[in-house]
Amino acid sequence: MPWCARALCCMTSLVWAQAAWSLSAENLADVLRQCPAKPDHACHALVEGQVLARAPQGQVSRQGPRLTLLQRRGKALVLDDALSDPAHALRHVYLGELGITDLKLVRTVGPAAPQALLLVAESGQPPMAADDVPWPAPGGRLVVVVAPNSVTLWLRTALRWTQAFRYEPPAGVRLSFKGWRGDGGAVRVAWQWQRGGSPCTPIGAASGQVQLRDGPYGWEITPELPLRCP
């Protein structure tokens, strides 16, 4: 079966698992795996077309290469694709709203810019770039992005989102998201030591878990990850 036919029959269950225009982090991860990072790939138009068909009227629209997202107080974020030159192509793919948050998701694909997810808030503030899949906390006021080489935490106060925490692990350590604690006060993060180098101090394991938690002095990673010699 051709790829597009397979995608057409399975994308509905991926994209609309929560609501007509809302995408869970789990389903977002599936969509990103299924859609190659190529600006001209048919998967992007297929997914975006389904999302736009079910989005609230007037909130988001596409006119040819121009994607427009309406924000509060009549503001609009306008994103223009550039596909004429394959060597410098850039495509913006609208993926819907992120779960229970007020964030809209746009994927950027192409050699003209690093592949990333843009988190677009209703406040009208500049989009926030996510290095990997964003995972909302229970309640929707916190969003964590755990990439192999970083952890970023975003906090919503009123309508505005701000970066509350940023962490980059020691060289040789890769991270992955495991889950939010039920009360939204901590995130479980798995780490794995990549072979090919000696840590400064012996470590008893090549992998394990740490927590990003709301401690007495703010958000922190605990316990401290193993260090590597400079």
Protein backbone atom coordinates (compact mmCIF):
# COMPACT_ATOMS: atom_id res chain seq x y z
CA MET A 1 0.00 0.00 0.00
CA PRO A 2 1.44 3.46 -0.89
CA TRP A 3 2.61 5.60 2.03
CA CYS A 4 -0.12 8.24 1.57
CA ALA A 5 -2.83 5.59 1.60
CA ARG A 6 -1.48 4.09 4.81
CA ALA A 7 -1.24 7.55 6.37
CA LEU A 8 -4.78 8.47 5.35
CA CYS A 9 -6.25 5.45 7.09
CA CYS A 10 -4.26 5.81 10.32
CA MET A 11 -3.72 9.57 10.83
CA THR A 12 -7.29 10.14 12.03
CA SER A 13 -6.72 8.00 15.11
CA LEU A 14 -3.39 9.74 15.76
CA VAL A 15 -4.53 13.32 15.43
CA TRP A 16 -8.00 13.22 16.93
CA ALA A 17 -7.50 11.05 19.98
CA GLN A 18 -8.38 13.85 22.43
CA ALA A 19 -10.62 16.30 20.61
CA ALA A 20 -11.33 17.58 17.12
CA TRP A 21 -8.50 20.11 17.14
CA SER A 22 -6.42 19.03 20.15
CA LEU A 23 -3.33 16.83 20.00
CA SER A 24 -1.91 14.86 22.92
CA ALA A 25 1.85 14.72 23.39
CA GLU A 26 1.78 10.97 22.73
CA ASN A 27 -0.02 11.44 19.41
CA LEU A 28 2.26 14.33 18.49
CA ALA A 29 5.25 12.02 18.93
CA ASP A 30 3.58 9.51 16.59
CA VAL A 31 2.90 12.17 13.95
CA LEU A 32 6.51 13.39 14.07
CA ARG A 33 7.76 9.84 13.60
CA GLN A 34 5.45 9.19 10.66
CA CYS A 35 6.04 12.46 8.81
CA PRO A 36 9.61 12.69 7.44
CA ALA A 37 11.44 15.98 7.88
CA LYS A 38 11.18 16.88 4.20
CA PRO A 39 9.41 20.14 3.21
CA ASP A 40 7.69 18.64 0.15
CA HIS A 41 6.51 15.41 1.76
CA ALA A 42 2.80 14.68 1.29
CA CYS A 43 2.37 13.77 4.96
CA HIS A 44 2.54 17.43 6.06
CA ALA A 45 -0.30 18.57 3.81
CA LEU A 46 -2.38 15.55 4.84
CA VAL A 47 -2.03 16.15 8.58
CA GLU A 48 -2.47 19.91 8.37
CA GLY A 49 -5.51 19.57 6.13
CA GLN A 50 -7.24 17.34 8.69
CA VAL A 51 -6.36 19.71 11.52
CA LEU A 52 -7.58 22.83 9.71
CA ALA A 53 -10.85 21.15 8.73
CA ARG A 54 -11.71 20.68 12.43
CA ALA A 55 -10.18 23.81 13.95
CA PRO A 56 -12.47 26.51 15.42
CA GLN A 57 -13.54 28.85 12.65
CA GLY A 58 -11.34 31.91 12.25
CA GLN A 59 -8.60 30.74 14.61
CA VAL A 60 -6.16 29.50 11.99
CA SER A 61 -6.08 29.53 8.20
CA ARG A 62 -3.84 28.81 5.25
CA GLN A 63 -3.78 30.73 1.99
CA GLY A 64 -1.22 29.06 -0.28
CA PRO A 65 2.21 29.38 1.36
CA ARG A 66 0.91 31.65 4.17
CA LEU A 67 -0.19 30.22 7.53
CA THR A 68 -2.06 32.64 9.84
CA LEU A 69 -2.81 32.00 13.53
CA LEU A 70 -5.16 34.36 15.33
CA GLN A 71 -4.18 35.42 18.85
CA ARG A 72 -5.91 37.55 21.49
CA ARG A 73 -6.87 41.20 20.92
CA GLY A 74 -6.92 40.73 17.19
CA LYS A 75 -3.23 39.95 16.87
CA ALA A 76 -2.16 37.43 14.27
CA LEU A 77 1.01 35.43 13.77
CA VAL A 78 1.80 35.09 10.06
CA LEU A 79 4.23 32.39 8.91
CA ASP A 80 5.27 32.24 5.26
CA ASP A 81 6.60 29.09 3.59
CA ALA A 82 9.45 29.28 1.10
CA LEU A 83 9.48 26.25 -1.17
CA SER A 84 10.75 27.53 -4.53
CA ASP A 85 14.42 26.77 -3.79
CA PRO A 86 14.88 23.20 -2.44
CA ALA A 87 18.28 24.09 -0.95
CA HIS A 88 16.69 26.83 1.20
CA ALA A 89 13.17 25.47 1.58
CA LEU A 90 11.17 26.16 4.72
CA ARG A 91 7.70 24.82 5.52
CA HIS A 92 5.41 25.56 8.48
CA VAL A 93 2.98 22.75 9.33
CA TYR A 94 0.08 23.50 11.68
CA LEU A 95 -0.54 20.54 14.03
CA GLY A 96 -3.35 21.85 16.24
CA GLU A 97 -3.53 22.69 19.95
CA LEU A 98 -1.42 20.94 22.57
CA GLY A 99 -3.71 18.97 24.86
CA ILE A 100 -5.17 21.00 27.74
CA THR A 101 -2.91 24.03 27.22
CA ASP A 102 -3.66 27.17 25.21
CA LEU A 103 -0.62 26.51 23.01
CA LYS A 104 -0.85 25.94 19.27
CA LEU A 105 1.75 23.74 17.59
CA VAL A 106 3.60 24.54 14.38
CA ARG A 107 6.33 22.32 12.99
CA THR A 108 9.10 23.92 10.94
CA VAL A 109 10.74 21.69 8.34
CA GLY A 110 13.51 22.41 5.87
CA PRO A 111 17.20 23.19 5.43
CA ALA A 112 16.54 26.93 5.85
CA ALA A 113 15.94 26.48 9.59
CA PRO A 114 16.58 23.78 12.20
CA GLN A 115 13.73 21.33 12.51
CA ALA A 116 11.73 22.45 15.53
CA LEU A 117 8.31 22.81 17.06
CA LEU A 118 6.99 26.31 17.64
CA LEU A 119 4.68 26.78 20.61
CA VAL A 120 2.33 29.66 19.86
CA ALA A 121 0.56 31.20 22.88
CA GLU A 122 -2.70 33.16 22.84
CA SER A 123 -0.99 36.10 24.57
CA GLY A 124 0.63 37.31 21.35
CA GLN A 125 4.16 36.79 22.65
CA PRO A 126 6.83 35.49 20.23
CA PRO A 127 6.62 31.74 19.56
CA MET A 128 8.69 29.47 21.80
CA ALA A 129 10.94 26.90 20.13
CA ALA A 130 10.83 23.34 21.47
CA ASP A 131 13.73 20.93 20.88
CA ASP A 132 11.46 17.89 21.15
CA VAL A 133 7.91 16.83 22.04
CA PRO A 134 6.31 19.16 24.67
CA TRP A 135 4.59 17.34 27.55
CA PRO A 136 1.96 19.29 29.53
CA ALA A 137 1.64 18.81 33.27
CA PRO A 138 -1.72 18.00 34.87
CA GLY A 139 -3.65 21.26 34.89
CA GLY A 140 -1.96 22.65 31.77
CA ARG A 141 0.09 25.45 33.44
CA LEU A 142 3.45 23.75 32.92
CA VAL A 143 5.02 22.22 29.82
CA VAL A 144 8.31 20.32 29.80
CA VAL A 145 10.44 19.51 26.76
CA VAL A 146 12.97 16.73 27.30
CA ALA A 147 15.36 16.46 24.36
CA PRO A 148 18.36 14.11 24.31
CA ASN A 149 20.66 16.99 25.29
CA SER A 150 18.43 19.38 27.24
CA VAL A 151 15.45 19.88 29.55
CA THR A 152 13.31 23.01 29.26
CA LEU A 153 10.36 23.89 31.48
CA TRP A 154 7.76 26.50 30.50
CA LEU A 155 5.37 28.10 33.00
CA ARG A 156 2.14 29.95 32.25
CA THR A 157 1.27 32.95 34.42
CA ALA A 158 -2.07 34.44 33.40
CA LEU A 159 -1.81 34.27 29.60
CA ARG A 160 1.96 34.60 29.27
CA TRP A 161 4.44 31.72 29.09
CA THR A 162 7.98 32.09 30.44
CA GLN A 163 10.94 29.74 30.63
CA ALA A 164 11.16 28.61 34.25
CA PHE A 165 14.05 26.17 33.95
CA ARG A 166 16.72 25.07 31.46
CA TYR A 167 19.24 22.28 31.91
CA GLU A 168 21.88 20.67 29.71
CA PRO A 169 23.38 17.39 30.95
CA PRO A 170 27.09 16.57 31.06
CA ALA A 171 28.64 15.49 27.77
CA GLY A 172 28.03 11.82 27.11
CA VAL A 173 24.60 11.70 28.79
CA ARG A 174 21.35 11.45 26.82
CA LEU A 175 17.93 12.20 28.32
CA SER A 176 14.36 11.07 27.66
CA PHE A 177 10.95 11.91 29.14
CA LYS A 178 9.30 9.33 31.40
CA GLY A 179 6.30 11.10 32.93
CA TRP A 180 4.82 13.80 35.14
CA ARG A 181 4.03 13.14 38.78
CA GLY A 182 0.30 13.15 39.38
CA ASP A 183 0.30 16.53 41.12
CA GLY A 184 2.45 18.19 38.44
CA GLY A 185 5.21 18.93 40.94
CA ALA A 186 7.90 16.76 39.35
CA VAL A 187 8.96 15.16 36.08
CA ARG A 188 10.68 11.79 35.79
CA VAL A 189 13.59 11.93 33.34
CA ALA A 190 15.59 8.89 32.21
CA TRP A 191 19.31 9.25 31.51
CA GLN A 192 21.75 6.97 29.72
CA TRP A 193 25.53 7.15 29.59
CA GLN A 194 26.75 6.87 26.01
CA ARG A 195 29.73 4.54 25.62
CA GLY A 196 33.02 5.92 24.37
CA GLY A 197 34.70 7.96 27.09
CA SER A 198 35.53 7.86 30.78
CA PRO A 199 33.60 9.81 33.40
CA CYS A 200 35.63 11.91 35.82
CA THR A 201 34.35 9.85 38.72
CA PRO A 202 33.27 6.21 38.55
CA ILE A 203 29.53 5.71 38.21
CA GLY A 204 27.76 2.60 39.36
CA ALA A 205 25.33 2.43 36.46
CA ALA A 206 25.16 3.35 32.78
CA SER A 207 21.54 4.50 33.04
CA GLY A 208 18.93 5.56 35.54
CA GLN A 209 16.35 8.20 36.37
CA VAL A 210 16.39 11.67 37.90
CA GLN A 211 13.64 14.13 38.75
CA LEU A 212 13.01 17.67 37.69
CA ARG A 213 11.14 18.88 40.75
CA ASP A 214 9.82 22.05 42.31
CA GLY A 215 12.22 22.27 45.25
CA PRO A 216 12.52 24.74 48.13
CA TYR A 217 14.63 27.11 45.99
CA GLY A 218 12.92 26.60 42.65
CA TRP A 219 13.02 23.91 40.00
CA GLU A 220 16.01 21.57 40.15
CA ILE A 221 17.39 18.29 38.81
CA THR A 222 17.96 15.72 41.53
CA PRO A 223 20.10 13.73 42.07
CA GLU A 224 22.99 15.35 40.19
CA LEU A 225 23.92 13.55 37.00
CA PRO A 226 27.43 12.05 36.58
CA LEU A 227 30.09 14.42 35.33
CA ARG A 228 32.47 13.78 32.47
CA CYS A 229 36.08 14.94 32.23
CA PRO A 230 36.50 18.14 30.19
